[in-house]
Amino acid sequence: MDRGTFLFGLWCLGISGLFLAGTVYAYSPFADGGRTAPRVGGVYGPTHK
């Protein structure tokens, strides 16, 4: 298998994994309301609009 094909497959797998994680957490950076990003290890992002 060509290295480029392998890297493209990994990239597609990563995008699919992020999509599934976003679906599980029902998180969207553009959503209004109570949906917030999962907070991991006390790391907090911006909370204002």
PDB file of N, CA and C in Angstrom:
ATOM      1  N   MET A   1       0.847  -1.176   0.000  1.00  0.00           N
ATOM      2  CA  MET A   1       0.000   0.000   0.000  1.00  0.00           C
ATOM      3  C   MET A   1       0.899   1.247   0.000  1.00  0.00           C
ATOM      4  N   ASP A   2       0.485   2.224  -0.754  1.00  0.00           N
ATOM      5  CA  ASP A   2       1.225   3.477  -0.852  1.00  0.00           C
ATOM      6  C   ASP A   2       1.108   4.256   0.462  1.00  0.00           C
ATOM      7  N   ARG A   3       2.163   4.982   0.816  1.00  0.00           N
ATOM      8  CA  ARG A   3       2.156   5.744   2.073  1.00  0.00           C
ATOM      9  C   ARG A   3       1.077   6.832   2.053  1.00  0.00           C
ATOM     10  N   GLY A   4       0.874   7.470   0.911  1.00  0.00           N
ATOM     11  CA  GLY A   4      -0.153   8.514   0.803  1.00  0.00           C
ATOM     12  C   GLY A   4      -1.551   7.957   1.035  1.00  0.00           C
ATOM     13  N   THR A   5      -1.818   6.780   0.501  1.00  0.00           N
ATOM     14  CA  THR A   5      -3.112   6.143   0.709  1.00  0.00           C
ATOM     15  C   THR A   5      -3.314   5.803   2.180  1.00  0.00           C
ATOM     16  N   PHE A   6      -2.271   5.319   2.817  1.00  0.00           N
ATOM     17  CA  PHE A   6      -2.342   4.984   4.233  1.00  0.00           C
ATOM     18  C   PHE A   6      -2.615   6.227   5.086  1.00  0.00           C
ATOM     19  N   LEU A   7      -1.906   7.323   4.806  1.00  0.00           N
ATOM     20  CA  LEU A   7      -2.114   8.558   5.572  1.00  0.00           C
ATOM     21  C   LEU A   7      -3.508   9.136   5.329  1.00  0.00           C
ATOM     22  N   PHE A   8      -3.999   9.038   4.096  1.00  0.00           N
ATOM     23  CA  PHE A   8      -5.353   9.500   3.809  1.00  0.00           C
ATOM     24  C   PHE A   8      -6.373   8.669   4.575  1.00  0.00           C
ATOM     25  N   GLY A   9      -6.156   7.370   4.666  1.00  0.00           N
ATOM     26  CA  GLY A   9      -7.046   6.504   5.437  1.00  0.00           C
ATOM     27  C   GLY A   9      -7.043   6.866   6.921  1.00  0.00           C
ATOM     28  N   LEU A  10      -5.861   7.164   7.463  1.00  0.00           N
ATOM     29  CA  LEU A  10      -5.785   7.596   8.861  1.00  0.00           C
ATOM     30  C   LEU A  10      -6.509   8.916   9.073  1.00  0.00           C
ATOM     31  N   TRP A  11      -6.369   9.832   8.122  1.00  0.00           N
ATOM     32  CA  TRP A  11      -7.044  11.133   8.216  1.00  0.00           C
ATOM     33  C   TRP A  11      -8.558  10.939   8.204  1.00  0.00           C
ATOM     34  N   CYS A  12      -9.052  10.095   7.307  1.00  0.00           N
ATOM     35  CA  CYS A  12     -10.490   9.814   7.242  1.00  0.00           C
ATOM     36  C   CYS A  12     -10.982   9.161   8.529  1.00  0.00           C
ATOM     37  N   LEU A  13     -10.186   8.253   9.070  1.00  0.00           N
ATOM     38  CA  LEU A  13     -10.550   7.599  10.319  1.00  0.00           C
ATOM     39  C   LEU A  13     -10.619   8.609  11.459  1.00  0.00           C
ATOM     40  N   GLY A  14      -9.682   9.549  11.497  1.00  0.00           N
ATOM     41  CA  GLY A  14      -9.689  10.586  12.525  1.00  0.00           C
ATOM     42  C   GLY A  14     -10.909  11.486  12.417  1.00  0.00           C
ATOM     43  N   ILE A  15     -11.262  11.897  11.197  1.00  0.00           N
ATOM     44  CA  ILE A  15     -12.444  12.739  10.995  1.00  0.00           C
ATOM     45  C   ILE A  15     -13.700  11.990  11.420  1.00  0.00           C
ATOM     46  N   SER A  16     -13.793  10.724  11.059  1.00  0.00           N
ATOM     47  CA  SER A  16     -14.956   9.922  11.449  1.00  0.00           C
ATOM     48  C   SER A  16     -15.027   9.763  12.959  1.00  0.00           C
ATOM     49  N   GLY A  17     -13.882   9.571  13.609  1.00  0.00           N
ATOM     50  CA  GLY A  17     -13.860   9.443  15.065  1.00  0.00           C
ATOM     51  C   GLY A  17     -14.302  10.716  15.749  1.00  0.00           C
ATOM     52  N   LEU A  18     -13.856  11.861  15.239  1.00  0.00           N
ATOM     53  CA  LEU A  18     -14.280  13.139  15.821  1.00  0.00           C
ATOM     54  C   LEU A  18     -15.776  13.365  15.608  1.00  0.00           C
ATOM     55  N   PHE A  19     -16.282  12.978  14.446  1.00  0.00           N
ATOM     56  CA  PHE A  19     -17.713  13.096  14.184  1.00  0.00           C
ATOM     57  C   PHE A  19     -18.523  12.243  15.159  1.00  0.00           C
ATOM     58  N   LEU A  20     -18.068  11.009  15.390  1.00  0.00           N
ATOM     59  CA  LEU A  20     -18.770  10.128  16.322  1.00  0.00           C
ATOM     60  C   LEU A  20     -18.679  10.645  17.760  1.00  0.00           C
ATOM     61  N   ALA A  21     -17.524  11.181  18.145  1.00  0.00           N
ATOM     62  CA  ALA A  21     -17.383  11.744  19.491  1.00  0.00           C
ATOM     63  C   ALA A  21     -18.304  12.948  19.660  1.00  0.00           C
ATOM     64  N   GLY A  22     -18.412  13.784  18.631  1.00  0.00           N
ATOM     65  CA  GLY A  22     -19.319  14.920  18.688  1.00  0.00           C
ATOM     66  C   GLY A  22     -20.769  14.486  18.775  1.00  0.00           C
ATOM     67  N   THR A  23     -21.097  13.380  18.119  1.00  0.00           N
ATOM     68  CA  THR A  23     -22.457  12.856  18.192  1.00  0.00           C
ATOM     69  C   THR A  23     -22.763  12.319  19.580  1.00  0.00           C
ATOM     70  N   VAL A  24     -21.817  11.631  20.183  1.00  0.00           N
ATOM     71  CA  VAL A  24     -22.021  11.058  21.512  1.00  0.00           C
ATOM     72  C   VAL A  24     -22.217  12.164  22.547  1.00  0.00           C
ATOM     73  N   TYR A  25     -21.399  13.206  22.476  1.00  0.00           N
ATOM     74  CA  TYR A  25     -21.490  14.296  23.449  1.00  0.00           C
ATOM     75  C   TYR A  25     -22.515  15.344  23.063  1.00  0.00           C
ATOM     76  N   ALA A  26     -23.129  15.237  21.866  1.00  0.00           N
ATOM     77  CA  ALA A  26     -24.083  16.222  21.351  1.00  0.00           C
ATOM     78  C   ALA A  26     -23.486  17.620  21.421  1.00  0.00           C
ATOM     79  N   TYR A  27     -22.211  17.734  21.023  1.00  0.00           N
ATOM     80  CA  TYR A  27     -21.494  19.003  21.110  1.00  0.00           C
ATOM     81  C   TYR A  27     -21.331  19.623  19.730  1.00  0.00           C
ATOM     82  N   SER A  28     -21.616  20.899  19.669  1.00  0.00           N
ATOM     83  CA  SER A  28     -21.344  21.664  18.460  1.00  0.00           C
ATOM     84  C   SER A  28     -20.794  23.015  18.877  1.00  0.00           C
ATOM     85  N   PRO A  29     -19.692  23.451  18.287  1.00  0.00           N
ATOM     86  CA  PRO A  29     -19.156  24.757  18.664  1.00  0.00           C
ATOM     87  C   PRO A  29     -20.058  25.904  18.232  1.00  0.00           C
ATOM     88  N   PHE A  30     -21.046  25.634  17.366  1.00  0.00           N
ATOM     89  CA  PHE A  30     -21.922  26.680  16.863  1.00  0.00           C
ATOM     90  C   PHE A  30     -23.311  26.636  17.487  1.00  0.00           C
ATOM     91  N   ALA A  31     -23.574  25.681  18.368  1.00  0.00           N
ATOM     92  CA  ALA A  31     -24.911  25.537  18.940  1.00  0.00           C
ATOM     93  C   ALA A  31     -25.155  26.576  20.024  1.00  0.00           C
ATOM     94  N   ASP A  32     -26.391  27.030  20.100  1.00  0.00           N
ATOM     95  CA  ASP A  32     -26.803  27.932  21.176  1.00  0.00           C
ATOM     96  C   ASP A  32     -27.435  27.100  22.283  1.00  0.00           C
ATOM     97  N   GLY A  33     -27.406  27.616  23.477  1.00  0.00           N
ATOM     98  CA  GLY A  33     -28.085  26.924  24.565  1.00  0.00           C
ATOM     99  C   GLY A  33     -27.138  26.221  25.491  1.00  0.00           C
ATOM    100  N   GLY A  34     -27.620  25.128  26.069  1.00  0.00           N
ATOM    101  CA  GLY A  34     -26.912  24.468  27.142  1.00  0.00           C
ATOM    102  C   GLY A  34     -25.861  23.468  26.721  1.00  0.00           C
ATOM    103  N   ARG A  35     -25.627  23.285  25.458  1.00  0.00           N
ATOM    104  CA  ARG A  35     -24.626  22.307  25.037  1.00  0.00           C
ATOM    105  C   ARG A  35     -23.238  22.889  25.230  1.00  0.00           C
ATOM    106  N   THR A  36     -22.448  22.212  26.016  1.00  0.00           N
ATOM    107  CA  THR A  36     -21.092  22.686  26.275  1.00  0.00           C
ATOM    108  C   THR A  36     -20.108  21.575  25.976  1.00  0.00           C
ATOM    109  N   ALA A  37     -18.890  21.940  25.784  1.00  0.00           N
ATOM    110  CA  ALA A  37     -17.840  20.963  25.509  1.00  0.00           C
ATOM    111  C   ALA A  37     -17.560  20.149  26.763  1.00  0.00           C
ATOM    112  N   PRO A  38     -17.219  18.874  26.590  1.00  0.00           N
ATOM    113  CA  PRO A  38     -16.827  18.083  27.763  1.00  0.00           C
ATOM    114  C   PRO A  38     -15.569  18.659  28.391  1.00  0.00           C
ATOM    115  N   ARG A  39     -15.568  18.782  29.700  1.00  0.00           N
ATOM    116  CA  ARG A  39     -14.424  19.372  30.402  1.00  0.00           C
ATOM    117  C   ARG A  39     -13.544  18.255  30.930  1.00  0.00           C
ATOM    118  N   VAL A  40     -12.309  18.273  30.501  1.00  0.00           N
ATOM    119  CA  VAL A  40     -11.387  17.184  30.837  1.00  0.00           C
ATOM    120  C   VAL A  40     -10.265  17.742  31.713  1.00  0.00           C
ATOM    121  N   GLY A  41     -10.066  17.165  32.860  1.00  0.00           N
ATOM    122  CA  GLY A  41      -8.928  17.492  33.701  1.00  0.00           C
ATOM    123  C   GLY A  41      -8.860  18.923  34.173  1.00  0.00           C
ATOM    124  N   GLY A  42     -10.012  19.579  34.335  1.00  0.00           N
ATOM    125  CA  GLY A  42     -10.022  20.938  34.833  1.00  0.00           C
ATOM    126  C   GLY A  42      -9.605  21.989  33.803  1.00  0.00           C
ATOM    127  N   VAL A  43      -9.571  21.611  32.535  1.00  0.00           N
ATOM    128  CA  VAL A  43      -9.236  22.575  31.487  1.00  0.00           C
ATOM    129  C   VAL A  43     -10.538  23.201  31.007  1.00  0.00           C
ATOM    130  N   TYR A  44     -10.645  24.506  31.142  1.00  0.00           N
ATOM    131  CA  TYR A  44     -11.877  25.192  30.770  1.00  0.00           C
ATOM    132  C   TYR A  44     -11.624  26.117  29.597  1.00  0.00           C
ATOM    133  N   GLY A  45     -12.541  26.112  28.663  1.00  0.00           N
ATOM    134  CA  GLY A  45     -12.454  26.999  27.511  1.00  0.00           C
ATOM    135  C   GLY A  45     -13.245  28.270  27.767  1.00  0.00           C
ATOM    136  N   PRO A  46     -13.401  29.090  26.736  1.00  0.00           N
ATOM    137  CA  PRO A  46     -14.167  30.321  26.911  1.00  0.00           C
ATOM    138  C   PRO A  46     -15.631  30.020  27.189  1.00  0.00           C
ATOM    139  N   THR A  47     -16.221  30.800  28.083  1.00  0.00           N
ATOM    140  CA  THR A  47     -17.626  30.582  28.456  1.00  0.00           C
ATOM    141  C   THR A  47     -18.506  31.743  28.032  1.00  0.00           C
ATOM    142  N   HIS A  48     -17.948  32.719  27.343  1.00  0.00           N
ATOM    143  CA  HIS A  48     -18.729  33.867  26.905  1.00  0.00           C
ATOM    144  C   HIS A  48     -19.046  33.742  25.419  1.00  0.00           C
ATOM    145  N   LYS A  49     -19.975  34.577  24.973  1.00  0.00           N
ATOM    146  CA  LYS A  49     -20.297  34.593  23.549  1.00  0.00           C
ATOM    147  C   LYS A  49     -19.769  35.842  22.919  1.00  0.00           C
TER     148      LYS A  49
END
